[in-house]
């Protein structure tokens, strides 16, 4: 039973944290692109929520990169 639980935990989407934690003026991390509420709520999210947050964060980072060009 422990092996099954460990396998499920490992299969979960990993945090997109890059250890560059700095919030911009909109409370979005410049390292991973998550909002402060997404960062704080990460551990409570189910798999679908984690996937959604990762997609949203990636979109924010891409938008920031386009603005900086």
N, C-alpha and C. Protein backbone atom coordinates (compact mmCIF):
# COMPACT_ATOMS: atom_id res chain seq x y z
N UNK A 1 0.81 -1.19 0.00
CA UNK A 1 0.00 0.00 0.00
C UNK A 1 0.86 1.27 0.00
N UNK A 2 1.94 1.28 0.72
CA UNK A 2 2.83 2.44 0.71
C UNK A 2 3.43 2.66 -0.66
N UNK A 3 3.77 1.58 -1.38
CA UNK A 3 4.35 1.73 -2.71
C UNK A 3 3.35 2.39 -3.66
N UNK A 4 2.07 2.00 -3.56
CA UNK A 4 1.04 2.60 -4.40
C UNK A 4 0.91 4.09 -4.10
N UNK A 5 0.90 4.44 -2.82
CA UNK A 5 0.80 5.85 -2.42
C UNK A 5 2.01 6.62 -2.93
N UNK A 6 3.20 6.06 -2.80
CA UNK A 6 4.42 6.74 -3.28
C UNK A 6 4.39 6.93 -4.79
N UNK A 7 3.90 5.93 -5.51
CA UNK A 7 3.83 6.03 -6.97
C UNK A 7 2.86 7.13 -7.38
N UNK A 8 1.73 7.25 -6.71
CA UNK A 8 0.77 8.31 -7.03
C UNK A 8 1.38 9.68 -6.75
N UNK A 9 2.10 9.82 -5.66
CA UNK A 9 2.71 11.11 -5.33
C UNK A 9 3.75 11.49 -6.36
N UNK A 10 4.55 10.53 -6.84
CA UNK A 10 5.58 10.82 -7.82
C UNK A 10 4.98 11.16 -9.18
N UNK A 11 3.79 10.62 -9.48
CA UNK A 11 3.15 10.86 -10.76
C UNK A 11 2.54 12.26 -10.85
N UNK A 12 2.39 12.92 -9.72
CA UNK A 12 1.79 14.25 -9.73
C UNK A 12 2.73 15.24 -10.42
N UNK A 13 2.12 16.24 -11.02
CA UNK A 13 2.88 17.28 -11.69
C UNK A 13 3.76 18.01 -10.68
N UNK A 14 5.02 18.14 -11.02
CA UNK A 14 5.97 18.80 -10.13
C UNK A 14 5.75 20.30 -10.13
N UNK A 15 6.11 20.92 -9.05
CA UNK A 15 6.03 22.37 -8.95
C UNK A 15 6.92 23.01 -10.01
N UNK A 16 6.44 24.08 -10.65
CA UNK A 16 7.27 24.77 -11.64
C UNK A 16 8.30 25.72 -11.01
N UNK A 17 8.40 25.71 -9.69
CA UNK A 17 9.31 26.61 -9.00
C UNK A 17 10.73 26.47 -9.54
N UNK A 18 11.37 27.62 -9.80
CA UNK A 18 12.75 27.65 -10.30
C UNK A 18 13.72 28.22 -9.26
N UNK A 19 13.19 28.45 -8.07
CA UNK A 19 13.99 29.02 -6.97
C UNK A 19 14.51 30.41 -7.32
N UNK A 20 13.71 31.15 -8.10
CA UNK A 20 14.02 32.54 -8.43
C UNK A 20 12.86 33.39 -7.92
N UNK A 21 12.47 33.14 -6.71
CA UNK A 21 11.24 33.70 -6.15
C UNK A 21 11.34 35.21 -5.91
N UNK A 22 10.71 35.94 -6.82
CA UNK A 22 10.59 37.39 -6.70
C UNK A 22 9.25 37.75 -7.32
N UNK A 23 8.43 38.47 -6.58
CA UNK A 23 7.12 38.85 -7.10
C UNK A 23 7.20 40.20 -7.80
N UNK A 24 6.48 40.29 -8.92
CA UNK A 24 6.41 41.57 -9.62
C UNK A 24 5.29 42.41 -9.01
N UNK A 25 4.96 43.51 -9.64
CA UNK A 25 3.94 44.41 -9.13
C UNK A 25 2.53 43.84 -9.14
N UNK A 26 2.35 42.72 -9.81
CA UNK A 26 1.03 42.07 -9.88
C UNK A 26 0.98 40.81 -9.03
N UNK A 27 1.96 40.64 -8.14
CA UNK A 27 2.08 39.45 -7.29
C UNK A 27 2.22 38.17 -8.10
N UNK A 28 2.99 38.25 -9.19
CA UNK A 28 3.31 37.09 -10.01
C UNK A 28 4.81 36.85 -9.89
N UNK A 29 5.20 35.61 -9.65
CA UNK A 29 6.61 35.27 -9.51
C UNK A 29 7.32 35.40 -10.86
N UNK A 30 8.42 36.13 -10.90
CA UNK A 30 9.17 36.30 -12.14
C UNK A 30 9.94 35.04 -12.50
N UNK A 31 10.10 34.13 -11.57
CA UNK A 31 10.80 32.88 -11.85
C UNK A 31 9.92 31.82 -12.48
N UNK A 32 8.76 31.56 -11.87
CA UNK A 32 7.91 30.46 -12.35
C UNK A 32 6.63 30.93 -13.01
N UNK A 33 6.24 32.18 -12.83
CA UNK A 33 5.04 32.70 -13.46
C UNK A 33 3.75 32.47 -12.70
N UNK A 34 3.83 31.88 -11.52
CA UNK A 34 2.60 31.66 -10.74
C UNK A 34 2.27 32.89 -9.91
N UNK A 35 0.98 33.05 -9.65
CA UNK A 35 0.54 34.11 -8.76
C UNK A 35 0.82 33.68 -7.32
N UNK A 36 0.80 34.64 -6.42
CA UNK A 36 1.05 34.31 -5.02
C UNK A 36 -0.01 33.33 -4.50
N UNK A 37 -1.24 33.48 -4.93
CA UNK A 37 -2.28 32.55 -4.47
C UNK A 37 -2.07 31.15 -5.04
N UNK A 38 -1.57 31.06 -6.27
CA UNK A 38 -1.27 29.74 -6.84
C UNK A 38 -0.10 29.08 -6.11
N UNK A 39 0.88 29.86 -5.74
CA UNK A 39 2.03 29.33 -5.00
C UNK A 39 1.57 28.81 -3.63
N UNK A 40 0.80 29.62 -2.94
CA UNK A 40 0.34 29.24 -1.59
C UNK A 40 -0.60 28.04 -1.62
N UNK A 41 -1.38 27.90 -2.68
CA UNK A 41 -2.35 26.82 -2.74
C UNK A 41 -1.87 25.57 -3.46
N UNK A 42 -0.64 25.55 -3.92
CA UNK A 42 -0.12 24.45 -4.73
C UNK A 42 -0.32 23.08 -4.09
N UNK A 43 0.03 22.94 -2.84
CA UNK A 43 -0.03 21.62 -2.20
C UNK A 43 -1.45 21.08 -2.08
N UNK A 44 -2.45 21.94 -2.14
CA UNK A 44 -3.84 21.50 -2.00
C UNK A 44 -4.49 21.18 -3.36
N UNK A 45 -3.80 21.48 -4.45
CA UNK A 45 -4.39 21.27 -5.78
C UNK A 45 -4.40 19.79 -6.16
N UNK A 46 -5.44 19.40 -6.89
CA UNK A 46 -5.45 18.06 -7.48
C UNK A 46 -4.63 18.12 -8.77
N UNK A 47 -4.50 16.99 -9.44
CA UNK A 47 -3.66 16.94 -10.64
C UNK A 47 -4.14 17.90 -11.72
N UNK A 48 -5.44 17.95 -11.95
CA UNK A 48 -5.98 18.87 -12.97
C UNK A 48 -5.68 20.32 -12.63
N UNK A 49 -5.77 20.66 -11.36
CA UNK A 49 -5.45 22.01 -10.93
C UNK A 49 -3.99 22.34 -11.13
N UNK A 50 -3.12 21.39 -10.86
CA UNK A 50 -1.68 21.62 -11.05
C UNK A 50 -1.34 21.82 -12.53
N UNK A 51 -1.95 21.00 -13.37
CA UNK A 51 -1.72 21.13 -14.80
C UNK A 51 -2.20 22.50 -15.28
N UNK A 52 -3.37 22.93 -14.82
CA UNK A 52 -3.92 24.23 -15.20
C UNK A 52 -3.00 25.36 -14.74
N UNK A 53 -2.54 25.30 -13.50
CA UNK A 53 -1.66 26.34 -12.97
C UNK A 53 -0.36 26.39 -13.77
N UNK A 54 0.20 25.24 -14.10
CA UNK A 54 1.44 25.22 -14.89
C UNK A 54 1.23 25.84 -16.26
N UNK A 55 0.09 25.55 -16.89
CA UNK A 55 -0.20 26.13 -18.21
C UNK A 55 -0.38 27.64 -18.10
N UNK A 56 -1.11 28.07 -17.09
CA UNK A 56 -1.32 29.51 -16.89
C UNK A 56 0.00 30.22 -16.60
N UNK A 57 0.84 29.60 -15.79
CA UNK A 57 2.12 30.20 -15.43
C UNK A 57 3.02 30.30 -16.66
N UNK A 58 3.04 29.27 -17.48
CA UNK A 58 3.86 29.29 -18.70
C UNK A 58 3.38 30.41 -19.63
N UNK A 59 2.07 30.58 -19.73
CA UNK A 59 1.53 31.65 -20.57
C UNK A 59 1.94 33.02 -20.04
N UNK A 60 1.93 33.19 -18.72
CA UNK A 60 2.35 34.47 -18.13
C UNK A 60 3.82 34.75 -18.42
N UNK A 61 4.66 33.72 -18.29
CA UNK A 61 6.09 33.90 -18.56
C UNK A 61 6.32 34.26 -20.03
N UNK A 62 5.59 33.60 -20.92
CA UNK A 62 5.74 33.89 -22.35
C UNK A 62 5.29 35.31 -22.66
N UNK A 63 4.20 35.74 -22.06
CA UNK A 63 3.71 37.10 -22.26
C UNK A 63 4.73 38.12 -21.73
N UNK A 64 5.31 37.84 -20.59
CA UNK A 64 6.32 38.74 -20.02
C UNK A 64 7.52 38.83 -20.96
N UNK A 65 7.95 37.69 -21.48
CA UNK A 65 9.09 37.67 -22.39
C UNK A 65 8.81 38.50 -23.65
N UNK A 66 7.60 38.39 -24.18
CA UNK A 66 7.23 39.19 -25.37
C UNK A 66 7.26 40.67 -25.06
N UNK A 67 6.80 41.05 -23.86
CA UNK A 67 6.79 42.47 -23.50
C UNK A 67 8.20 43.01 -23.35
N UNK A 68 9.13 42.18 -22.93
CA UNK A 68 10.50 42.63 -22.70
C UNK A 68 11.32 42.75 -23.99
N UNK A 69 10.81 42.23 -25.06
CA UNK A 69 11.56 42.30 -26.34
C UNK A 69 11.40 43.62 -27.02
